[in-house]
Amino acid sequence: MPLYEYISEESDDVSRSCPACRQGFEIRRQLNQSPLDKCPLCKHAVKRLISRVSSPKIAKPLCVADAKSKGFTILEKRDEGVYEKL
């Protein structure tokens, strides 16, 4: 499930919003769920922020033997438009 970041639409209005939505909060939601429009705690209007993407880190470089063992087909370019299966 992806992680979404939300913040209060009016971060200046301290009287109506809670500290969580004033400073921003993260919440895990399924892709098929619609975005939040209200803070789950204080019901104040919030907007979704564009946030960073997490990508897996590869500990070691992939080699041909690793790729073949995982079931991938390895092709090497030999000439213009010509590839050879390794």
PDB file of N, CA and C in Angstrom:
ATOM      1  N   MET A   1       0.831  -1.179   0.000  1.00  0.00           N
ATOM      2  CA  MET A   1       0.000   0.000   0.000  1.00  0.00           C
ATOM      3  C   MET A   1       0.880   1.249   0.000  1.00  0.00           C
ATOM      4  N   PRO A   2       0.521   2.217  -0.824  1.00  0.00           N
ATOM      5  CA  PRO A   2       1.311   3.449  -0.867  1.00  0.00           C
ATOM      6  C   PRO A   2       1.070   4.331   0.352  1.00  0.00           C
ATOM      7  N   LEU A   3       2.029   5.180   0.588  1.00  0.00           N
ATOM      8  CA  LEU A   3       1.972   6.141   1.689  1.00  0.00           C
ATOM      9  C   LEU A   3       1.635   7.510   1.105  1.00  0.00           C
ATOM     10  N   TYR A   4       0.605   8.148   1.633  1.00  0.00           N
ATOM     11  CA  TYR A   4       0.200   9.466   1.159  1.00  0.00           C
ATOM     12  C   TYR A   4       0.421  10.499   2.251  1.00  0.00           C
ATOM     13  N   GLU A   5       0.780  11.712   1.839  1.00  0.00           N
ATOM     14  CA  GLU A   5       0.981  12.813   2.777  1.00  0.00           C
ATOM     15  C   GLU A   5      -0.136  13.820   2.599  1.00  0.00           C
ATOM     16  N   TYR A   6      -0.660  14.302   3.719  1.00  0.00           N
ATOM     17  CA  TYR A   6      -1.739  15.294   3.719  1.00  0.00           C
ATOM     18  C   TYR A   6      -1.361  16.446   4.634  1.00  0.00           C
ATOM     19  N   ILE A   7      -1.907  17.623   4.339  1.00  0.00           N
ATOM     20  CA  ILE A   7      -1.712  18.799   5.184  1.00  0.00           C
ATOM     21  C   ILE A   7      -2.995  19.629   5.136  1.00  0.00           C
ATOM     22  N   SER A   8      -3.208  20.404   6.184  1.00  0.00           N
ATOM     23  CA  SER A   8      -4.394  21.250   6.263  1.00  0.00           C
ATOM     24  C   SER A   8      -4.397  22.247   5.109  1.00  0.00           C
ATOM     25  N   GLU A   9      -5.581  22.480   4.531  1.00  0.00           N
ATOM     26  CA  GLU A   9      -5.679  23.449   3.438  1.00  0.00           C
ATOM     27  C   GLU A   9      -5.380  24.853   3.911  1.00  0.00           C
ATOM     28  N   GLU A  10      -5.739  25.159   5.143  1.00  0.00           N
ATOM     29  CA  GLU A  10      -5.475  26.474   5.724  1.00  0.00           C
ATOM     30  C   GLU A  10      -4.612  26.283   6.961  1.00  0.00           C
ATOM     31  N   SER A  11      -3.318  26.166   6.759  1.00  0.00           N
ATOM     32  CA  SER A  11      -2.414  25.883   7.882  1.00  0.00           C
ATOM     33  C   SER A  11      -2.309  27.064   8.857  1.00  0.00           C
ATOM     34  N   ASP A  12      -2.764  28.261   8.453  1.00  0.00           N
ATOM     35  CA  ASP A  12      -2.708  29.422   9.340  1.00  0.00           C
ATOM     36  C   ASP A  12      -3.817  29.400  10.391  1.00  0.00           C
ATOM     37  N   ASP A  13      -4.941  28.761  10.059  1.00  0.00           N
ATOM     38  CA  ASP A  13      -6.101  28.763  10.952  1.00  0.00           C
ATOM     39  C   ASP A  13      -5.907  27.730  12.052  1.00  0.00           C
ATOM     40  N   VAL A  14      -5.314  28.134  13.165  1.00  0.00           N
ATOM     41  CA  VAL A  14      -5.007  27.221  14.273  1.00  0.00           C
ATOM     42  C   VAL A  14      -6.240  26.840  15.080  1.00  0.00           C
ATOM     43  N   SER A  15      -7.255  27.642  15.037  1.00  0.00           N
ATOM     44  CA  SER A  15      -8.417  27.382  15.880  1.00  0.00           C
ATOM     45  C   SER A  15      -9.238  26.191  15.391  1.00  0.00           C
ATOM     46  N   ARG A  16      -9.246  25.933  14.096  1.00  0.00           N
ATOM     47  CA  ARG A  16     -10.097  24.877  13.561  1.00  0.00           C
ATOM     48  C   ARG A  16      -9.371  23.564  13.309  1.00  0.00           C
ATOM     49  N   SER A  17      -8.062  23.599  13.125  1.00  0.00           N
ATOM     50  CA  SER A  17      -7.338  22.381  12.773  1.00  0.00           C
ATOM     51  C   SER A  17      -6.527  21.857  13.949  1.00  0.00           C
ATOM     52  N   CYS A  18      -6.236  20.568  13.914  1.00  0.00           N
ATOM     53  CA  CYS A  18      -5.439  19.944  14.977  1.00  0.00           C
ATOM     54  C   CYS A  18      -3.947  20.021  14.624  1.00  0.00           C
ATOM     55  N   PRO A  19      -3.050  19.750  15.567  1.00  0.00           N
ATOM     56  CA  PRO A  19      -1.609  19.808  15.268  1.00  0.00           C
ATOM     57  C   PRO A  19      -1.185  18.828  14.179  1.00  0.00           C
ATOM     58  N   ALA A  20      -1.861  17.690  14.077  1.00  0.00           N
ATOM     59  CA  ALA A  20      -1.485  16.693  13.067  1.00  0.00           C
ATOM     60  C   ALA A  20      -1.689  17.225  11.656  1.00  0.00           C
ATOM     61  N   CYS A  21      -2.836  17.806  11.386  1.00  0.00           N
ATOM     62  CA  CYS A  21      -3.064  18.272  10.019  1.00  0.00           C
ATOM     63  C   CYS A  21      -2.407  19.624   9.746  1.00  0.00           C
ATOM     64  N   ARG A  22      -2.110  20.409  10.775  1.00  0.00           N
ATOM     65  CA  ARG A  22      -1.376  21.667  10.568  1.00  0.00           C
ATOM     66  C   ARG A  22       0.044  21.392  10.113  1.00  0.00           C
ATOM     67  N   GLN A  23       0.687  20.405  10.746  1.00  0.00           N
ATOM     68  CA  GLN A  23       2.081  20.078  10.420  1.00  0.00           C
ATOM     69  C   GLN A  23       2.174  19.085   9.268  1.00  0.00           C
ATOM     70  N   GLY A  24       1.094  18.403   8.970  1.00  0.00           N
ATOM     71  CA  GLY A  24       1.086  17.388   7.922  1.00  0.00           C
ATOM     72  C   GLY A  24       1.207  16.000   8.534  1.00  0.00           C
ATOM     73  N   PHE A  25       0.588  15.032   7.886  1.00  0.00           N
ATOM     74  CA  PHE A  25       0.648  13.652   8.374  1.00  0.00           C
ATOM     75  C   PHE A  25       0.687  12.695   7.190  1.00  0.00           C
ATOM     76  N   GLU A  26       1.157  11.483   7.466  1.00  0.00           N
ATOM     77  CA  GLU A  26       1.226  10.430   6.460  1.00  0.00           C
ATOM     78  C   GLU A  26       0.203   9.365   6.807  1.00  0.00           C
ATOM     79  N   ILE A  27      -0.375   8.768   5.796  1.00  0.00           N
ATOM     80  CA  ILE A  27      -1.337   7.705   6.026  1.00  0.00           C
ATOM     81  C   ILE A  27      -1.227   6.698   4.888  1.00  0.00           C
ATOM     82  N   ARG A  28      -1.368   5.432   5.233  1.00  0.00           N
ATOM     83  CA  ARG A  28      -1.340   4.365   4.250  1.00  0.00           C
ATOM     84  C   ARG A  28      -2.747   4.105   3.754  1.00  0.00           C
ATOM     85  N   ARG A  29      -2.919   4.114   2.434  1.00  0.00           N
ATOM     86  CA  ARG A  29      -4.238   3.853   1.841  1.00  0.00           C
ATOM     87  C   ARG A  29      -4.073   3.000   0.603  1.00  0.00           C
ATOM     88  N   GLN A  30      -5.060   2.198   0.307  1.00  0.00           N
ATOM     89  CA  GLN A  30      -5.029   1.382  -0.896  1.00  0.00           C
ATOM     90  C   GLN A  30      -5.213   2.269  -2.121  1.00  0.00           C
ATOM     91  N   LEU A  31      -4.740   1.788  -3.270  1.00  0.00           N
ATOM     92  CA  LEU A  31      -4.821   2.571  -4.499  1.00  0.00           C
ATOM     93  C   LEU A  31      -6.258   2.829  -4.929  1.00  0.00           C
ATOM     94  N   ASN A  32      -7.152   1.890  -4.659  1.00  0.00           N
ATOM     95  CA  ASN A  32      -8.529   2.051  -5.121  1.00  0.00           C
ATOM     96  C   ASN A  32      -9.372   2.944  -4.200  1.00  0.00           C
ATOM     97  N   GLN A  33      -8.815   3.387  -3.073  1.00  0.00           N
ATOM     98  CA  GLN A  33      -9.539   4.287  -2.176  1.00  0.00           C
ATOM     99  C   GLN A  33      -9.391   5.732  -2.651  1.00  0.00           C
ATOM    100  N   SER A  34     -10.452   6.497  -2.491  1.00  0.00           N
ATOM    101  CA  SER A  34     -10.388   7.906  -2.888  1.00  0.00           C
ATOM    102  C   SER A  34      -9.544   8.687  -1.881  1.00  0.00           C
ATOM    103  N   PRO A  35      -8.932   9.800  -2.317  1.00  0.00           N
ATOM    104  CA  PRO A  35      -8.104  10.592  -1.399  1.00  0.00           C
ATOM    105  C   PRO A  35      -8.941  11.181  -0.270  1.00  0.00           C
ATOM    106  N   LEU A  36      -8.287  11.403   0.869  1.00  0.00           N
ATOM    107  CA  LEU A  36      -8.981  12.018   2.006  1.00  0.00           C
ATOM    108  C   LEU A  36      -9.314  13.467   1.677  1.00  0.00           C
ATOM    109  N   ASP A  37     -10.454  13.943   2.147  1.00  0.00           N
ATOM    110  CA  ASP A  37     -10.762  15.356   2.018  1.00  0.00           C
ATOM    111  C   ASP A  37     -10.875  16.022   3.382  1.00  0.00           C
ATOM    112  N   LYS A  38     -10.915  15.192   4.451  1.00  0.00           N
ATOM    113  CA  LYS A  38     -10.983  15.716   5.823  1.00  0.00           C
ATOM    114  C   LYS A  38      -9.993  14.968   6.703  1.00  0.00           C
ATOM    115  N   CYS A  39      -9.469  15.656   7.692  1.00  0.00           N
ATOM    116  CA  CYS A  39      -8.555  15.056   8.664  1.00  0.00           C
ATOM    117  C   CYS A  39      -9.321  13.997   9.463  1.00  0.00           C
ATOM    118  N   PRO A  40      -8.729  12.806   9.675  1.00  0.00           N
ATOM    119  CA  PRO A  40      -9.421  11.767  10.444  1.00  0.00           C
ATOM    120  C   PRO A  40      -9.653  12.159  11.907  1.00  0.00           C
ATOM    121  N   LEU A  41      -8.861  13.092  12.445  1.00  0.00           N
ATOM    122  CA  LEU A  41      -9.001  13.479  13.853  1.00  0.00           C
ATOM    123  C   LEU A  41      -9.966  14.642  14.067  1.00  0.00           C
ATOM    124  N   CYS A  42      -9.736  15.750  13.359  1.00  0.00           N
ATOM    125  CA  CYS A  42     -10.530  16.960  13.635  1.00  0.00           C
ATOM    126  C   CYS A  42     -11.552  17.284  12.554  1.00  0.00           C
ATOM    127  N   LYS A  43     -11.560  16.533  11.477  1.00  0.00           N
ATOM    128  CA  LYS A  43     -12.512  16.716  10.364  1.00  0.00           C
ATOM    129  C   LYS A  43     -12.336  18.043   9.626  1.00  0.00           C
ATOM    130  N   HIS A  44     -11.145  18.645   9.732  1.00  0.00           N
ATOM    131  CA  HIS A  44     -10.842  19.870   9.008  1.00  0.00           C
ATOM    132  C   HIS A  44     -10.420  19.497   7.585  1.00  0.00           C
ATOM    133  N   ALA A  45     -10.647  20.359   6.613  1.00  0.00           N
ATOM    134  CA  ALA A  45     -10.312  20.085   5.215  1.00  0.00           C
ATOM    135  C   ALA A  45      -8.799  19.932   5.037  1.00  0.00           C
ATOM    136  N   VAL A  46      -8.381  18.881   4.338  1.00  0.00           N
ATOM    137  CA  VAL A  46      -6.962  18.636   4.054  1.00  0.00           C
ATOM    138  C   VAL A  46      -6.775  18.432   2.557  1.00  0.00           C
ATOM    139  N   LYS A  47      -5.531  18.612   2.119  1.00  0.00           N
ATOM    140  CA  LYS A  47      -5.189  18.345   0.723  1.00  0.00           C
ATOM    141  C   LYS A  47      -4.007  17.394   0.683  1.00  0.00           C
ATOM    142  N   ARG A  48      -3.954  16.592  -0.373  1.00  0.00           N
ATOM    143  CA  ARG A  48      -2.874  15.617  -0.518  1.00  0.00           C
ATOM    144  C   ARG A  48      -1.659  16.299  -1.133  1.00  0.00           C
ATOM    145  N   LEU A  49      -0.497  15.976  -0.603  1.00  0.00           N
ATOM    146  CA  LEU A  49       0.761  16.537  -1.098  1.00  0.00           C
ATOM    147  C   LEU A  49       1.415  15.567  -2.064  1.00  0.00           C
ATOM    148  N   ILE A  50       2.193  16.107  -2.957  1.00  0.00           N
ATOM    149  CA  ILE A  50       3.021  15.263  -3.811  1.00  0.00           C
ATOM    150  C   ILE A  50       4.254  14.916  -2.996  1.00  0.00           C
ATOM    151  N   SER A  51       4.521  13.637  -2.856  1.00  0.00           N
ATOM    152  CA  SER A  51       5.628  13.219  -1.996  1.00  0.00           C
ATOM    153  C   SER A  51       6.625  12.368  -2.774  1.00  0.00           C
ATOM    154  N   ARG A  52       7.678  12.053  -2.123  1.00  0.00           N
ATOM    155  CA  ARG A  52       8.744  11.277  -2.755  1.00  0.00           C
ATOM    156  C   ARG A  52       8.298   9.828  -2.968  1.00  0.00           C
ATOM    157  N   VAL A  53       8.985   9.173  -3.865  1.00  0.00           N
ATOM    158  CA  VAL A  53       8.691   7.783  -4.186  1.00  0.00           C
ATOM    159  C   VAL A  53       9.765   6.911  -3.565  1.00  0.00           C
ATOM    160  N   SER A  54       9.360   5.835  -2.949  1.00  0.00           N
ATOM    161  CA  SER A  54      10.356   4.926  -2.400  1.00  0.00           C
ATOM    162  C   SER A  54      10.644   3.847  -3.427  1.00  0.00           C
ATOM    163  N   SER A  55      11.902   3.603  -3.654  1.00  0.00           N
ATOM    164  CA  SER A  55      12.297   2.558  -4.595  1.00  0.00           C
ATOM    165  C   SER A  55      13.246   1.607  -3.881  1.00  0.00           C
ATOM    166  N   PRO A  56      13.186   0.343  -4.233  1.00  0.00           N
ATOM    167  CA  PRO A  56      14.056  -0.609  -3.556  1.00  0.00           C
ATOM    168  C   PRO A  56      15.523  -0.344  -3.897  1.00  0.00           C
ATOM    169  N   LYS A  57      16.375  -0.580  -2.925  1.00  0.00           N
ATOM    170  CA  LYS A  57      17.806  -0.405  -3.156  1.00  0.00           C
ATOM    171  C   LYS A  57      18.410  -1.768  -3.501  1.00  0.00           C
ATOM    172  N   ILE A  58      19.243  -1.773  -4.522  1.00  0.00           N
ATOM    173  CA  ILE A  58      19.900  -3.011  -4.939  1.00  0.00           C
ATOM    174  C   ILE A  58      21.250  -3.065  -4.253  1.00  0.00           C
ATOM    175  N   ALA A  59      21.470  -4.139  -3.516  1.00  0.00           N
ATOM    176  CA  ALA A  59      22.696  -4.260  -2.736  1.00  0.00           C
ATOM    177  C   ALA A  59      23.901  -4.568  -3.613  1.00  0.00           C
ATOM    178  N   LYS A  60      23.686  -5.301  -4.690  1.00  0.00           N
ATOM    179  CA  LYS A  60      24.800  -5.647  -5.575  1.00  0.00           C
ATOM    180  C   LYS A  60      24.350  -5.476  -7.014  1.00  0.00           C
ATOM    181  N   PRO A  61      25.268  -5.263  -7.928  1.00  0.00           N
ATOM    182  CA  PRO A  61      24.866  -5.104  -9.321  1.00  0.00           C
ATOM    183  C   PRO A  61      24.329  -6.425  -9.876  1.00  0.00           C
ATOM    184  N   LEU A  62      23.345  -6.309 -10.751  1.00  0.00           N
ATOM    185  CA  LEU A  62      22.790  -7.508 -11.366  1.00  0.00           C
ATOM    186  C   LEU A  62      23.734  -8.014 -12.445  1.00  0.00           C
ATOM    187  N   CYS A  63      23.892  -9.306 -12.537  1.00  0.00           N
ATOM    188  CA  CYS A  63      24.726  -9.883 -13.578  1.00  0.00           C
ATOM    189  C   CYS A  63      23.859 -10.805 -14.437  1.00  0.00           C
ATOM    190  N   VAL A  64      24.417 -11.271 -15.523  1.00  0.00           N
ATOM    191  CA  VAL A  64      23.686 -12.115 -16.460  1.00  0.00           C
ATOM    192  C   VAL A  64      23.224 -13.400 -15.777  1.00  0.00           C
ATOM    193  N   ALA A  65      24.073 -14.010 -14.958  1.00  0.00           N
ATOM    194  CA  ALA A  65      23.707 -15.260 -14.283  1.00  0.00           C
ATOM    195  C   ALA A  65      22.539 -15.043 -13.320  1.00  0.00           C
ATOM    196  N   ASP A  66      22.549 -13.904 -12.594  1.00  0.00           N
ATOM    197  CA  ASP A  66      21.439 -13.604 -11.685  1.00  0.00           C
ATOM    198  C   ASP A  66      20.131 -13.430 -12.455  1.00  0.00           C
ATOM    199  N   ALA A  67      20.192 -12.698 -13.555  1.00  0.00           N
ATOM    200  CA  ALA A  67      18.995 -12.450 -14.351  1.00  0.00           C
ATOM    201  C   ALA A  67      18.453 -13.750 -14.940  1.00  0.00           C
ATOM    202  N   LYS A  68      19.342 -14.612 -15.440  1.00  0.00           N
ATOM    203  CA  LYS A  68      18.905 -15.895 -15.998  1.00  0.00           C
ATOM    204  C   LYS A  68      18.281 -16.778 -14.923  1.00  0.00           C
ATOM    205  N   SER A  69      18.859 -16.775 -13.725  1.00  0.00           N
ATOM    206  CA  SER A  69      18.307 -17.609 -12.654  1.00  0.00           C
ATOM    207  C   SER A  69      16.928 -17.129 -12.205  1.00  0.00           C
ATOM    208  N   LYS A  70      16.634 -15.853 -12.430  1.00  0.00           N
ATOM    209  CA  LYS A  70      15.323 -15.295 -12.078  1.00  0.00           C
ATOM    210  C   LYS A  70      14.306 -15.465 -13.200  1.00  0.00           C
ATOM    211  N   GLY A  71      14.743 -16.025 -14.354  1.00  0.00           N
ATOM    212  CA  GLY A  71      13.815 -16.297 -15.449  1.00  0.00           C
ATOM    213  C   GLY A  71      13.774 -15.255 -16.544  1.00  0.00           C
ATOM    214  N   PHE A  72      14.694 -14.296 -16.534  1.00  0.00           N
ATOM    215  CA  PHE A  72      14.716 -13.274 -17.568  1.00  0.00           C
ATOM    216  C   PHE A  72      15.479 -13.772 -18.793  1.00  0.00           C
ATOM    217  N   THR A  73      15.098 -13.300 -19.962  1.00  0.00           N
ATOM    218  CA  THR A  73      15.819 -13.584 -21.193  1.00  0.00           C
ATOM    219  C   THR A  73      16.816 -12.454 -21.401  1.00  0.00           C
ATOM    220  N   ILE A  74      18.063 -12.807 -21.637  1.00  0.00           N
ATOM    221  CA  ILE A  74      19.128 -11.819 -21.807  1.00  0.00           C
ATOM    222  C   ILE A  74      19.474 -11.720 -23.285  1.00  0.00           C
ATOM    223  N   LEU A  75      19.394 -10.490 -23.811  1.00  0.00           N
ATOM    224  CA  LEU A  75      19.745 -10.238 -25.203  1.00  0.00           C
ATOM    225  C   LEU A  75      20.914  -9.256 -25.237  1.00  0.00           C
ATOM    226  N   GLU A  76      21.820  -9.468 -26.189  1.00  0.00           N
ATOM    227  CA  GLU A  76      22.961  -8.565 -26.354  1.00  0.00           C
ATOM    228  C   GLU A  76      22.950  -8.048 -27.779  1.00  0.00           C
ATOM    229  N   LYS A  77      23.132  -6.746 -27.933  1.00  0.00           N
ATOM    230  CA  LYS A  77      23.110  -6.137 -29.260  1.00  0.00           C
ATOM    231  C   LYS A  77      24.391  -6.473 -30.004  1.00  0.00           C
ATOM    232  N   ARG A  78      24.267  -7.058 -31.197  1.00  0.00           N
ATOM    233  CA  ARG A  78      25.422  -7.439 -32.006  1.00  0.00           C
ATOM    234  C   ARG A  78      25.647  -6.471 -33.167  1.00  0.00           C
ATOM    235  N   ASP A  79      24.547  -6.014 -33.759  1.00  0.00           N
ATOM    236  CA  ASP A  79      24.628  -5.130 -34.915  1.00  0.00           C
ATOM    237  C   ASP A  79      23.390  -4.238 -34.894  1.00  0.00           C
ATOM    238  N   GLU A  80      23.285  -3.350 -35.843  1.00  0.00           N
ATOM    239  CA  GLU A  80      22.117  -2.464 -35.893  1.00  0.00           C
ATOM    240  C   GLU A  80      20.849  -3.294 -36.104  1.00  0.00           C
ATOM    241  N   GLY A  81      20.012  -3.373 -35.059  1.00  0.00           N
ATOM    242  CA  GLY A  81      18.759  -4.120 -35.144  1.00  0.00           C
ATOM    243  C   GLY A  81      18.906  -5.613 -34.964  1.00  0.00           C
ATOM    244  N   VAL A  82      20.128  -6.096 -34.641  1.00  0.00           N
ATOM    245  CA  VAL A  82      20.347  -7.537 -34.483  1.00  0.00           C
ATOM    246  C   VAL A  82      20.746  -7.809 -33.021  1.00  0.00           C
ATOM    247  N   TYR A  83      19.995  -8.688 -32.382  1.00  0.00           N
ATOM    248  CA  TYR A  83      20.269  -9.064 -31.001  1.00  0.00           C
ATOM    249  C   TYR A  83      20.496 -10.562 -30.912  1.00  0.00           C
ATOM    250  N   GLU A  84      21.393 -10.963 -30.014  1.00  0.00           N
ATOM    251  CA  GLU A  84      21.687 -12.376 -29.833  1.00  0.00           C
ATOM    252  C   GLU A  84      21.307 -12.765 -28.409  1.00  0.00           C
ATOM    253  N   LYS A  85      20.622 -13.915 -28.281  1.00  0.00           N
ATOM    254  CA  LYS A  85      20.228 -14.410 -26.977  1.00  0.00           C
ATOM    255  C   LYS A  85      21.430 -15.039 -26.294  1.00  0.00           C
ATOM    256  N   LEU A  86      21.690 -14.641 -25.051  1.00  0.00           N
ATOM    257  CA  LEU A  86      22.830 -15.185 -24.296  1.00  0.00           C
ATOM    258  C   LEU A  86      22.417 -16.405 -23.512  1.00  0.00           C
TER     259      LEU A  86
END
